[in-house]
Amino acid sequence: MAARLSDPRPVPADALAPPPAPAAQPAPLLQVDGVSIDYRTPQRVVRATHRVGFDVHAADRFVLLGASGCGKSTLLKSIAGFIPPSEGEIRLAGRAVTRPGPDRVVVFQEFDQLPPWKTVRENVMFPLLASRTAGRREAAERAALYLDKVGLAKFADAHPHQLSGGMKQRVAIARALAMQPQVLLMDEPFAALDALTRRRMQEELLGLWDEFRFTLIFVTHSIEEALVVGNRIAILSPHPGRLRAEVNSHQFGLHSLGGAEFQATAQRIHRLLFDEPADGGIPAVPGSVAADAQALSPDRRGGAPFIRPAGSPPFQIAV
C-alpha cells in the first residue's frame, strides 16, 4: 500500500501564522544612568557616588540602602534636581532631569520642613498654589483629602509647633502626596522618630501606597526598614557609593519581622554592605577615601607613596 504523501484536508490559516510576540515590558519611569556626583572644594574634589545606574518602574517602592556617607542622600537630591551629576544622566519619563520640578517631591528627615507660621492645612496647600498645580478651591480639597488619609483632619487648623514629630512627618507626607508627583522621594523620613512611632509610620506609608500606588524612592541606612518598606533594594558600597547589588524584597513586610527568611535576607544584605567583594579589589576613585589612603600611606622601606597593587582589597571605612 502506497504511503500518503500529503494530507488533503485544508490547513487553518492561524496555524500558518507566526507565534505571537511576547508582551513588551513597560519602559522605566526613572533611569539613573552611570551617575557620578562630585563635591568640589578649594583644595580637592570629593566623589560622593561613582557610576551608579538603576531603573525604577511605575509603582515601585525602590530603596537606596547604604552606610552613612555612601552618597545615598546626595543621589536622592540629584534625582530631585538639586545637585547636577558630574557624570552620567538621570531621566524621568525619558527626559533628562536638570532642575527641581513638581513631578518630584521630597520628604526630608528634619521636622522643621514645615513653615511654622502656616497652619497644617496651609502647609499642605502651599506647594499646590506656589507651583500653580491647582487653584485655591482644588488645593483645599486635596489638602482635606490627604490630611484625612494620614489621620490629621482634626488638626488642619493647628500650627507645626503644636504637633509631635510623627504628626509633622504625616503633614509632610500629606503635602507631598497632595502634589500627586510622578515620583515621591523620601530621605530617611522616620530616622529621628522613636521606635514605636517609626513602626507606625512605616505601616501607614505602606497603607497609603496600597491605596494610591505612587512611585517611591526611599533612602535609609536600616536593613530592616529597607526590607519592610521596599519591593526592590539597591545596596550602595561605602564611600564613594557604588551600586554593589540589587535585592528583590517584594515578599517581605511588617508581617515578616522575625521570620527565618527575613532574617536570612537581612544577613545577606549585611554581608553585601560591609564585606569586601569576593573577586578582589576595585580601583580607587579619585577623591575617595581609598584614593586618599593610597596617596598618604608611605612605603615602609623608602617613604615613597604606596600604590596599592591591582586586585588587592580597597580601603574601607569602619562603620
C-alpha atoms as a PDB file:
ATOM      1  CA  MET A   1       0.000   0.000   0.000  1.00  0.00           C
ATOM      2  CA  ALA A   2       1.446   3.356  -1.039  1.00  0.00           C
ATOM      3  CA  ALA A   3       2.210   5.858   1.699  1.00  0.00           C
ATOM      4  CA  ARG A   4       0.149   9.055   1.836  1.00  0.00           C
ATOM      5  CA  LEU A   5       2.330  11.899   0.640  1.00  0.00           C
ATOM      6  CA  SER A   6       0.066  14.784   1.656  1.00  0.00           C
ATOM      7  CA  ASP A   7      -2.990  15.477   3.788  1.00  0.00           C
ATOM      8  CA  PRO A   8      -5.831  16.736   1.575  1.00  0.00           C
ATOM      9  CA  ARG A   9      -7.510  18.492   4.496  1.00  0.00           C
ATOM     10  CA  PRO A  10      -7.139  22.314   4.438  1.00  0.00           C
ATOM     11  CA  VAL A  11      -4.724  23.821   6.942  1.00  0.00           C
ATOM     12  CA  PRO A  12      -6.275  26.530   9.175  1.00  0.00           C
ATOM     13  CA  ALA A  13      -4.925  29.979   8.402  1.00  0.00           C
ATOM     14  CA  ASP A  14      -3.981  30.649  12.018  1.00  0.00           C
ATOM     15  CA  ALA A  15      -1.751  27.561  12.025  1.00  0.00           C
ATOM     16  CA  LEU A  16       0.497  29.218   9.459  1.00  0.00           C
ATOM     17  CA  ALA A  17       0.804  32.476  11.400  1.00  0.00           C
ATOM     18  CA  PRO A  18       3.988  33.054  13.422  1.00  0.00           C
ATOM     19  CA  PRO A  19       3.657  32.741  17.215  1.00  0.00           C
ATOM     20  CA  PRO A  20       2.632  35.966  18.936  1.00  0.00           C
ATOM     21  CA  ALA A  21       5.486  38.134  20.156  1.00  0.00           C
ATOM     22  CA  PRO A  22       5.885  38.376  23.933  1.00  0.00           C
ATOM     23  CA  ALA A  23       4.303  41.441  25.500  1.00  0.00           C
ATOM     24  CA  ALA A  24       6.686  44.377  25.622  1.00  0.00           C
ATOM     25  CA  GLN A  25       7.886  45.377  29.071  1.00  0.00           C
ATOM     26  CA  PRO A  26       6.856  48.904  30.081  1.00  0.00           C
ATOM     27  CA  ALA A  27       9.639  51.444  29.901  1.00  0.00           C
ATOM     28  CA  PRO A  28      11.147  52.513  33.222  1.00  0.00           C
ATOM     29  CA  LEU A  29       9.679  55.667  34.724  1.00  0.00           C
ATOM     30  CA  LEU A  30      13.038  56.796  36.112  1.00  0.00           C
ATOM     31  CA  GLN A  31      16.501  55.913  34.808  1.00  0.00           C
ATOM     32  CA  VAL A  32      19.731  56.624  36.659  1.00  0.00           C
ATOM     33  CA  ASP A  33      22.441  56.016  34.084  1.00  0.00           C
ATOM     34  CA  GLY A  34      26.082  55.890  35.189  1.00  0.00           C
ATOM     35  CA  VAL A  35      25.731  58.784  37.628  1.00  0.00           C
ATOM     36  CA  SER A  36      28.777  60.111  39.464  1.00  0.00           C
ATOM     37  CA  ILE A  37      28.468  63.110  41.785  1.00  0.00           C
ATOM     38  CA  ASP A  38      31.418  65.206  42.964  1.00  0.00           C
ATOM     39  CA  TYR A  39      31.721  67.843  45.664  1.00  0.00           C
ATOM     40  CA  ARG A  40      34.320  70.469  44.871  1.00  0.00           C
ATOM     41  CA  THR A  41      36.263  72.411  47.490  1.00  0.00           C
ATOM     42  CA  PRO A  42      39.159  74.853  47.030  1.00  0.00           C
ATOM     43  CA  GLN A  43      41.572  72.056  47.959  1.00  0.00           C
ATOM     44  CA  ARG A  44      40.155  68.953  46.283  1.00  0.00           C
ATOM     45  CA  VAL A  45      37.325  67.112  44.600  1.00  0.00           C
ATOM     46  CA  VAL A  46      35.407  64.554  46.688  1.00  0.00           C
ATOM     47  CA  ARG A  47      33.429  61.884  44.859  1.00  0.00           C
ATOM     48  CA  ALA A  48      30.128  61.030  46.601  1.00  0.00           C
ATOM     49  CA  THR A  49      28.827  58.390  44.158  1.00  0.00           C
ATOM     50  CA  HIS A  50      30.594  56.593  41.330  1.00  0.00           C
ATOM     51  CA  ARG A  51      28.809  55.479  38.138  1.00  0.00           C
ATOM     52  CA  VAL A  52      25.601  54.355  39.795  1.00  0.00           C
ATOM     53  CA  GLY A  53      22.885  53.018  37.499  1.00  0.00           C
ATOM     54  CA  PHE A  54      19.410  51.567  38.016  1.00  0.00           C
ATOM     55  CA  ASP A  55      15.851  51.756  36.672  1.00  0.00           C
ATOM     56  CA  VAL A  56      12.692  52.496  38.645  1.00  0.00           C
ATOM     57  CA  HIS A  57       9.309  51.456  37.267  1.00  0.00           C
ATOM     58  CA  ALA A  58       5.902  52.974  37.984  1.00  0.00           C
ATOM     59  CA  ALA A  59       4.547  51.980  41.423  1.00  0.00           C
ATOM     60  CA  ASP A  60       7.934  50.648  42.562  1.00  0.00           C
ATOM     61  CA  ARG A  61       8.953  51.083  46.197  1.00  0.00           C
ATOM     62  CA  PHE A  62      12.664  51.460  45.488  1.00  0.00           C
ATOM     63  CA  VAL A  63      15.043  51.722  48.449  1.00  0.00           C
ATOM     64  CA  LEU A  64      18.554  53.174  48.429  1.00  0.00           C
ATOM     65  CA  LEU A  65      20.361  51.416  51.278  1.00  0.00           C
ATOM     66  CA  GLY A  66      23.849  52.129  52.500  1.00  0.00           C
ATOM     67  CA  ALA A  67      26.015  53.180  55.412  1.00  0.00           C
ATOM     68  CA  SER A  68      26.338  56.807  56.455  1.00  0.00           C
ATOM     69  CA  GLY A  69      28.453  58.739  53.982  1.00  0.00           C
ATOM     70  CA  CYS A  70      27.879  56.444  50.999  1.00  0.00           C
ATOM     71  CA  GLY A  71      26.155  59.182  48.968  1.00  0.00           C
ATOM     72  CA  LYS A  72      22.576  57.862  49.042  1.00  0.00           C
ATOM     73  CA  SER A  73      21.047  61.174  50.166  1.00  0.00           C
ATOM     74  CA  THR A  74      23.218  63.036  47.661  1.00  0.00           C
ATOM     75  CA  LEU A  75      21.927  60.751  44.921  1.00  0.00           C
ATOM     76  CA  LEU A  76      18.340  61.379  46.025  1.00  0.00           C
ATOM     77  CA  LYS A  77      18.915  65.148  45.857  1.00  0.00           C
ATOM     78  CA  SER A  78      20.325  64.716  42.363  1.00  0.00           C
ATOM     79  CA  ILE A  79      17.168  62.820  41.328  1.00  0.00           C
ATOM     80  CA  ALA A  80      15.173  65.708  42.797  1.00  0.00           C
ATOM     81  CA  GLY A  81      17.149  68.112  40.596  1.00  0.00           C
ATOM     82  CA  PHE A  82      19.012  69.948  43.377  1.00  0.00           C
ATOM     83  CA  ILE A  83      22.509  68.639  42.511  1.00  0.00           C
ATOM     84  CA  PRO A  84      23.655  68.064  38.909  1.00  0.00           C
ATOM     85  CA  PRO A  85      25.595  64.855  38.183  1.00  0.00           C
ATOM     86  CA  SER A  86      29.272  65.207  37.341  1.00  0.00           C
ATOM     87  CA  GLU A  87      28.958  62.213  35.030  1.00  0.00           C
ATOM     88  CA  GLY A  88      26.021  60.280  33.590  1.00  0.00           C
ATOM     89  CA  GLU A  89      22.373  61.253  33.342  1.00  0.00           C
ATOM     90  CA  ILE A  90      19.084  60.972  35.229  1.00  0.00           C
ATOM     91  CA  ARG A  91      15.932  60.684  33.097  1.00  0.00           C
ATOM     92  CA  LEU A  92      12.309  60.894  34.189  1.00  0.00           C
ATOM     93  CA  ALA A  93       9.785  59.637  31.639  1.00  0.00           C
ATOM     94  CA  GLY A  94      12.566  59.793  29.026  1.00  0.00           C
ATOM     95  CA  ARG A  95      13.540  63.422  29.724  1.00  0.00           C
ATOM     96  CA  ALA A  96      16.768  64.496  31.384  1.00  0.00           C
ATOM     97  CA  VAL A  97      16.400  65.853  34.917  1.00  0.00           C
ATOM     98  CA  THR A  98      18.119  69.251  35.036  1.00  0.00           C
ATOM     99  CA  ARG A  99      16.287  71.091  37.824  1.00  0.00           C
ATOM    100  CA  PRO A 100      13.663  70.586  40.551  1.00  0.00           C
ATOM    101  CA  GLY A 101      10.044  70.231  39.463  1.00  0.00           C
ATOM    102  CA  PRO A 102       6.581  69.399  40.811  1.00  0.00           C
ATOM    103  CA  ASP A 103       6.833  65.920  39.270  1.00  0.00           C
ATOM    104  CA  ARG A 104       9.307  65.047  42.078  1.00  0.00           C
ATOM    105  CA  VAL A 105       8.545  65.904  45.706  1.00  0.00           C
ATOM    106  CA  VAL A 106      10.911  65.300  48.622  1.00  0.00           C
ATOM    107  CA  VAL A 107      10.066  64.434  52.232  1.00  0.00           C
ATOM    108  CA  PHE A 108      13.114  65.171  54.381  1.00  0.00           C
ATOM    109  CA  GLN A 109      14.169  63.799  57.753  1.00  0.00           C
ATOM    110  CA  GLU A 110      14.037  67.136  59.567  1.00  0.00           C
ATOM    111  CA  PHE A 111      10.881  68.155  61.444  1.00  0.00           C
ATOM    112  CA  ASP A 112      11.361  71.849  60.595  1.00  0.00           C
ATOM    113  CA  GLN A 113      10.491  71.430  56.913  1.00  0.00           C
ATOM    114  CA  LEU A 114       7.048  72.982  57.556  1.00  0.00           C
ATOM    115  CA  PRO A 115       6.785  76.806  57.601  1.00  0.00           C
ATOM    116  CA  PRO A 116       5.857  77.484  61.255  1.00  0.00           C
ATOM    117  CA  TRP A 117       3.598  80.470  60.525  1.00  0.00           C
ATOM    118  CA  LYS A 118       1.256  78.398  58.351  1.00  0.00           C
ATOM    119  CA  THR A 119      -1.437  76.080  59.634  1.00  0.00           C
ATOM    120  CA  VAL A 120      -1.384  72.401  58.787  1.00  0.00           C
ATOM    121  CA  ARG A 121      -3.950  72.974  56.029  1.00  0.00           C
ATOM    122  CA  GLU A 122      -1.993  75.932  54.627  1.00  0.00           C
ATOM    123  CA  ASN A 123       1.230  73.892  54.654  1.00  0.00           C
ATOM    124  CA  VAL A 124      -0.375  71.200  52.501  1.00  0.00           C
ATOM    125  CA  MET A 125      -1.939  73.753  50.160  1.00  0.00           C
ATOM    126  CA  PHE A 126       1.180  75.893  49.769  1.00  0.00           C
ATOM    127  CA  PRO A 127       3.150  73.900  47.120  1.00  0.00           C
ATOM    128  CA  LEU A 128      -0.014  73.347  45.090  1.00  0.00           C
ATOM    129  CA  LEU A 129      -0.607  77.094  44.932  1.00  0.00           C
ATOM    130  CA  ALA A 130       3.060  78.117  44.567  1.00  0.00           C
ATOM    131  CA  SER A 131       3.593  75.759  41.608  1.00  0.00           C
ATOM    132  CA  ARG A 132       0.193  76.660  40.141  1.00  0.00           C
ATOM    133  CA  THR A 133      -0.641  72.981  40.078  1.00  0.00           C
ATOM    134  CA  ALA A 134      -4.110  73.702  41.454  1.00  0.00           C
ATOM    135  CA  GLY A 135      -6.357  76.646  42.237  1.00  0.00           C
ATOM    136  CA  ARG A 136      -7.290  77.549  45.793  1.00  0.00           C
ATOM    137  CA  ARG A 137     -10.503  75.506  45.821  1.00  0.00           C
ATOM    138  CA  GLU A 138      -8.874  72.343  44.442  1.00  0.00           C
ATOM    139  CA  ALA A 139      -5.866  72.820  46.739  1.00  0.00           C
ATOM    140  CA  ALA A 140      -8.183  72.982  49.751  1.00  0.00           C
ATOM    141  CA  GLU A 141      -9.986  69.828  48.603  1.00  0.00           C
ATOM    142  CA  ARG A 142      -6.731  67.939  48.128  1.00  0.00           C
ATOM    143  CA  ALA A 143      -5.451  69.123  51.497  1.00  0.00           C
ATOM    144  CA  ALA A 144      -8.615  67.892  53.196  1.00  0.00           C
ATOM    145  CA  LEU A 145      -8.397  64.523  51.420  1.00  0.00           C
ATOM    146  CA  TYR A 146      -4.777  63.755  52.245  1.00  0.00           C
ATOM    147  CA  LEU A 147      -4.905  65.107  55.788  1.00  0.00           C
ATOM    148  CA  ASP A 148      -7.775  62.716  56.353  1.00  0.00           C
ATOM    149  CA  LYS A 149      -5.718  59.866  54.859  1.00  0.00           C
ATOM    150  CA  VAL A 150      -2.875  60.492  57.332  1.00  0.00           C
ATOM    151  CA  GLY A 151      -5.278  60.907  60.266  1.00  0.00           C
ATOM    152  CA  LEU A 152      -4.802  64.642  60.810  1.00  0.00           C
ATOM    153  CA  ALA A 153      -8.137  66.071  59.657  1.00  0.00           C
ATOM    154  CA  LYS A 154      -8.843  67.323  63.194  1.00  0.00           C
ATOM    155  CA  PHE A 155      -5.534  69.207  63.247  1.00  0.00           C
ATOM    156  CA  ALA A 156      -5.992  71.135  59.995  1.00  0.00           C
ATOM    157  CA  ASP A 157      -6.033  74.497  61.802  1.00  0.00           C
ATOM    158  CA  ALA A 158      -3.137  73.712  64.153  1.00  0.00           C
ATOM    159  CA  HIS A 159       0.382  75.084  63.677  1.00  0.00           C
ATOM    160  CA  PRO A 160       3.530  72.933  63.447  1.00  0.00           C
ATOM    161  CA  HIS A 161       4.743  73.813  66.951  1.00  0.00           C
ATOM    162  CA  GLN A 162       1.581  72.203  68.321  1.00  0.00           C
ATOM    163  CA  LEU A 163       2.370  68.833  66.698  1.00  0.00           C
ATOM    164  CA  SER A 164       4.586  65.914  67.688  1.00  0.00           C
ATOM    165  CA  GLY A 165       7.441  64.776  65.471  1.00  0.00           C
ATOM    166  CA  GLY A 166       5.398  61.947  63.979  1.00  0.00           C
ATOM    167  CA  MET A 167       2.499  64.288  63.263  1.00  0.00           C
ATOM    168  CA  LYS A 168       4.818  66.734  61.498  1.00  0.00           C
ATOM    169  CA  GLN A 169       6.069  63.922  59.274  1.00  0.00           C
ATOM    170  CA  ARG A 170       2.469  62.967  58.499  1.00  0.00           C
ATOM    171  CA  VAL A 171       1.826  66.558  57.384  1.00  0.00           C
ATOM    172  CA  ALA A 172       4.948  66.435  55.178  1.00  0.00           C
ATOM    173  CA  ILE A 173       3.755  63.165  53.609  1.00  0.00           C
ATOM    174  CA  ALA A 174       0.241  64.581  53.056  1.00  0.00           C
ATOM    175  CA  ARG A 175       1.759  67.686  51.448  1.00  0.00           C
ATOM    176  CA  ALA A 176       3.883  65.548  49.128  1.00  0.00           C
ATOM    177  CA  LEU A 177       1.033  63.221  48.106  1.00  0.00           C
ATOM    178  CA  ALA A 178      -1.302  66.160  47.509  1.00  0.00           C
ATOM    179  CA  MET A 179       1.035  67.240  44.721  1.00  0.00           C
ATOM    180  CA  GLN A 180       0.428  63.836  43.063  1.00  0.00           C
ATOM    181  CA  PRO A 181       4.047  63.675  41.826  1.00  0.00           C
ATOM    182  CA  GLN A 182       5.384  61.133  39.392  1.00  0.00           C
ATOM    183  CA  VAL A 183       7.964  60.129  41.995  1.00  0.00           C
ATOM    184  CA  LEU A 184       7.840  60.589  45.773  1.00  0.00           C
ATOM    185  CA  LEU A 185      11.337  60.947  47.254  1.00  0.00           C
ATOM    186  CA  MET A 186      11.841  60.252  50.971  1.00  0.00           C
ATOM    187  CA  ASP A 187      15.197  60.932  52.645  1.00  0.00           C
ATOM    188  CA  GLU A 188      15.297  58.890  55.887  1.00  0.00           C
ATOM    189  CA  PRO A 189      11.917  60.374  56.888  1.00  0.00           C
ATOM    190  CA  PHE A 190      11.489  58.253  60.025  1.00  0.00           C
ATOM    191  CA  ALA A 191      15.088  58.184  61.302  1.00  0.00           C
ATOM    192  CA  ALA A 192      14.522  60.805  64.036  1.00  0.00           C
ATOM    193  CA  LEU A 193      11.373  59.149  65.410  1.00  0.00           C
ATOM    194  CA  ASP A 194      11.194  56.791  68.345  1.00  0.00           C
ATOM    195  CA  ALA A 195      10.941  53.075  67.542  1.00  0.00           C
ATOM    196  CA  LEU A 196       7.191  52.757  68.142  1.00  0.00           C
ATOM    197  CA  THR A 197       6.304  55.839  66.088  1.00  0.00           C
ATOM    198  CA  ARG A 198       8.682  54.748  63.324  1.00  0.00           C
ATOM    199  CA  ARG A 199       6.977  51.361  63.078  1.00  0.00           C
ATOM    200  CA  ARG A 200       3.563  53.042  62.948  1.00  0.00           C
ATOM    201  CA  MET A 201       4.741  55.432  60.212  1.00  0.00           C
ATOM    202  CA  GLN A 202       6.084  52.538  58.141  1.00  0.00           C
ATOM    203  CA  GLU A 203       2.718  50.820  58.435  1.00  0.00           C
ATOM    204  CA  GLU A 204       0.859  53.991  57.427  1.00  0.00           C
ATOM    205  CA  LEU A 205       3.180  54.592  54.453  1.00  0.00           C
ATOM    206  CA  LEU A 206       2.542  51.079  53.140  1.00  0.00           C
ATOM    207  CA  GLY A 207      -1.195  51.580  53.637  1.00  0.00           C
ATOM    208  CA  LEU A 208      -1.080  54.786  51.593  1.00  0.00           C
ATOM    209  CA  TRP A 209       0.900  53.008  48.868  1.00  0.00           C
ATOM    210  CA  ASP A 210      -1.700  50.210  48.758  1.00  0.00           C
ATOM    211  CA  GLU A 211      -4.374  52.837  48.128  1.00  0.00           C
ATOM    212  CA  PHE A 212      -2.632  55.232  45.732  1.00  0.00           C
ATOM    213  CA  ARG A 213       0.177  53.104  44.175  1.00  0.00           C
ATOM    214  CA  PHE A 214       2.597  56.016  43.891  1.00  0.00           C
ATOM    215  CA  THR A 215       6.225  55.534  42.831  1.00  0.00           C
ATOM    216  CA  LEU A 216       8.536  55.783  45.825  1.00  0.00           C
ATOM    217  CA  ILE A 217      12.300  56.179  46.217  1.00  0.00           C
ATOM    218  CA  PHE A 218      13.191  55.781  49.876  1.00  0.00           C
ATOM    219  CA  VAL A 219      16.603  56.360  51.487  1.00  0.00           C
ATOM    220  CA  THR A 220      17.558  54.531  54.681  1.00  0.00           C
ATOM    221  CA  HIS A 221      20.550  53.042  56.488  1.00  0.00           C
ATOM    222  CA  SER A 222      18.365  50.450  58.248  1.00  0.00           C
ATOM    223  CA  ILE A 223      18.356  46.974  56.695  1.00  0.00           C
ATOM    224  CA  GLU A 224      15.123  46.078  58.494  1.00  0.00           C
ATOM    225  CA  GLU A 225      13.368  49.224  57.270  1.00  0.00           C
ATOM    226  CA  ALA A 226      14.573  48.610  53.722  1.00  0.00           C
ATOM    227  CA  LEU A 227      13.081  45.110  53.720  1.00  0.00           C
ATOM    228  CA  VAL A 228       9.786  46.318  55.208  1.00  0.00           C
ATOM    229  CA  VAL A 229       9.271  49.396  53.007  1.00  0.00           C
ATOM    230  CA  GLY A 230      10.789  48.390  49.675  1.00  0.00           C
ATOM    231  CA  ASN A 231       9.983  45.902  46.959  1.00  0.00           C
ATOM    232  CA  ARG A 232      13.457  46.474  45.445  1.00  0.00           C
ATOM    233  CA  ILE A 233      16.612  47.444  47.322  1.00  0.00           C
ATOM    234  CA  ALA A 234      19.723  48.993  45.770  1.00  0.00           C
ATOM    235  CA  ILE A 235      22.736  48.341  48.007  1.00  0.00           C
ATOM    236  CA  LEU A 236      25.435  51.019  47.891  1.00  0.00           C
ATOM    237  CA  SER A 237      29.016  50.407  48.960  1.00  0.00           C
ATOM    238  CA  PRO A 238      30.804  52.662  51.477  1.00  0.00           C
ATOM    239  CA  HIS A 239      32.160  55.982  50.224  1.00  0.00           C
ATOM    240  CA  PRO A 240      32.152  56.593  47.341  1.00  0.00           C
ATOM    241  CA  GLY A 241      28.795  54.943  46.767  1.00  0.00           C
ATOM    242  CA  ARG A 242      28.767  52.311  44.054  1.00  0.00           C
ATOM    243  CA  LEU A 243      25.868  50.012  43.245  1.00  0.00           C
ATOM    244  CA  ARG A 244      27.039  46.782  44.845  1.00  0.00           C
ATOM    245  CA  ALA A 245      23.861  44.704  44.353  1.00  0.00           C
ATOM    246  CA  GLU A 246      20.090  44.831  43.989  1.00  0.00           C
ATOM    247  CA  VAL A 247      17.759  42.665  46.061  1.00  0.00           C
ATOM    248  CA  ASN A 248      14.090  41.891  45.391  1.00  0.00           C
ATOM    249  CA  SER A 249      12.134  42.202  48.634  1.00  0.00           C
ATOM    250  CA  HIS A 250       8.518  42.263  47.463  1.00  0.00           C
ATOM    251  CA  GLN A 251       7.684  39.220  49.588  1.00  0.00           C
ATOM    252  CA  PHE A 252       8.507  40.984  52.864  1.00  0.00           C
ATOM    253  CA  GLY A 253       6.541  43.401  55.020  1.00  0.00           C
ATOM    254  CA  LEU A 254       5.790  44.147  58.638  1.00  0.00           C
ATOM    255  CA  HIS A 255       4.309  40.662  58.905  1.00  0.00           C
ATOM    256  CA  SER A 256       7.724  39.182  58.052  1.00  0.00           C
ATOM    257  CA  LEU A 257       9.650  40.606  61.008  1.00  0.00           C
ATOM    258  CA  GLY A 258      11.392  37.847  62.923  1.00  0.00           C
ATOM    259  CA  GLY A 259      10.793  35.219  60.240  1.00  0.00           C
ATOM    260  CA  ALA A 260      13.602  32.916  59.159  1.00  0.00           C
ATOM    261  CA  GLU A 261      13.615  34.086  55.524  1.00  0.00           C
ATOM    262  CA  PHE A 262      13.527  37.737  56.614  1.00  0.00           C
ATOM    263  CA  GLN A 263      16.496  37.256  58.948  1.00  0.00           C
ATOM    264  CA  ALA A 264      18.473  35.291  56.341  1.00  0.00           C
ATOM    265  CA  THR A 265      17.940  38.045  53.761  1.00  0.00           C
ATOM    266  CA  ALA A 266      18.927  40.708  56.298  1.00  0.00           C
ATOM    267  CA  GLN A 267      22.191  38.853  56.985  1.00  0.00           C
ATOM    268  CA  ARG A 268      22.857  38.517  53.261  1.00  0.00           C
ATOM    269  CA  ILE A 269      22.350  42.265  52.803  1.00  0.00           C
ATOM    270  CA  HIS A 270      24.668  42.986  55.732  1.00  0.00           C
ATOM    271  CA  ARG A 271      27.410  40.962  54.056  1.00  0.00           C
ATOM    272  CA  LEU A 272      26.837  42.794  50.783  1.00  0.00           C
ATOM    273  CA  LEU A 273      27.057  46.142  52.574  1.00  0.00           C
ATOM    274  CA  PHE A 274      30.205  45.606  54.577  1.00  0.00           C
ATOM    275  CA  ASP A 275      32.145  42.612  53.278  1.00  0.00           C
ATOM    276  CA  GLU A 276      34.778  43.008  50.595  1.00  0.00           C
ATOM    277  CA  PRO A 277      33.903  41.711  47.113  1.00  0.00           C
ATOM    278  CA  ALA A 278      34.960  38.104  46.595  1.00  0.00           C
ATOM    279  CA  ASP A 279      36.755  38.879  43.331  1.00  0.00           C
ATOM    280  CA  GLY A 280      39.253  41.243  44.861  1.00  0.00           C
ATOM    281  CA  GLY A 281      39.721  44.965  44.815  1.00  0.00           C
ATOM    282  CA  ILE A 282      38.101  47.802  42.963  1.00  0.00           C
ATOM    283  CA  PRO A 283      40.336  50.607  41.663  1.00  0.00           C
ATOM    284  CA  ALA A 284      40.276  53.655  43.932  1.00  0.00           C
ATOM    285  CA  VAL A 285      38.188  56.553  42.649  1.00  0.00           C
ATOM    286  CA  PRO A 286      39.860  59.995  42.626  1.00  0.00           C
ATOM    287  CA  GLY A 287      38.612  61.960  45.627  1.00  0.00           C
ATOM    288  CA  SER A 288      37.603  58.859  47.563  1.00  0.00           C
ATOM    289  CA  VAL A 289      38.868  57.717  50.955  1.00  0.00           C
ATOM    290  CA  ALA A 290      40.647  54.844  49.192  1.00  0.00           C
ATOM    291  CA  ALA A 291      42.493  57.247  46.928  1.00  0.00           C
ATOM    292  CA  ASP A 292      43.489  59.407  49.913  1.00  0.00           C
ATOM    293  CA  ALA A 293      44.715  56.339  51.775  1.00  0.00           C
ATOM    294  CA  GLN A 294      46.872  55.371  48.810  1.00  0.00           C
ATOM    295  CA  ALA A 295      48.289  58.867  48.414  1.00  0.00           C
ATOM    296  CA  LEU A 296      49.068  59.379  52.109  1.00  0.00           C
ATOM    297  CA  SER A 297      50.295  55.909  53.063  1.00  0.00           C
ATOM    298  CA  PRO A 298      54.146  55.861  52.961  1.00  0.00           C
ATOM    299  CA  ASP A 299      56.059  52.769  51.926  1.00  0.00           C
ATOM    300  CA  ARG A 300      57.900  51.397  54.976  1.00  0.00           C
ATOM    301  CA  ARG A 301      61.072  50.753  53.004  1.00  0.00           C
ATOM    302  CA  GLY A 302      61.665  54.135  51.459  1.00  0.00           C
ATOM    303  CA  GLY A 303      58.924  56.586  52.376  1.00  0.00           C
ATOM    304  CA  ALA A 304      57.632  56.788  48.809  1.00  0.00           C
ATOM    305  CA  PRO A 305      53.873  56.941  48.212  1.00  0.00           C
ATOM    306  CA  PHE A 306      52.418  53.465  48.290  1.00  0.00           C
ATOM    307  CA  ILE A 307      50.452  52.400  45.201  1.00  0.00           C
ATOM    308  CA  ARG A 308      48.067  49.583  46.040  1.00  0.00           C
ATOM    309  CA  PRO A 309      48.518  46.655  43.629  1.00  0.00           C
ATOM    310  CA  ALA A 310      45.616  45.871  41.346  1.00  0.00           C
ATOM    311  CA  GLY A 311      43.463  43.113  42.747  1.00  0.00           C
ATOM    312  CA  SER A 312      44.097  43.954  46.406  1.00  0.00           C
ATOM    313  CA  PRO A 313      41.180  44.878  48.705  1.00  0.00           C
ATOM    314  CA  PRO A 314      40.238  48.577  48.707  1.00  0.00           C
ATOM    315  CA  PHE A 315      40.408  50.706  51.831  1.00  0.00           C
ATOM    316  CA  GLN A 316      37.128  50.591  53.735  1.00  0.00           C
ATOM    317  CA  ILE A 317      35.606  52.824  56.418  1.00  0.00           C
ATOM    318  CA  ALA A 318      34.771  51.132  59.708  1.00  0.00           C
ATOM    319  CA  VAL A 319      31.074  51.669  60.425  1.00  0.00           C
END
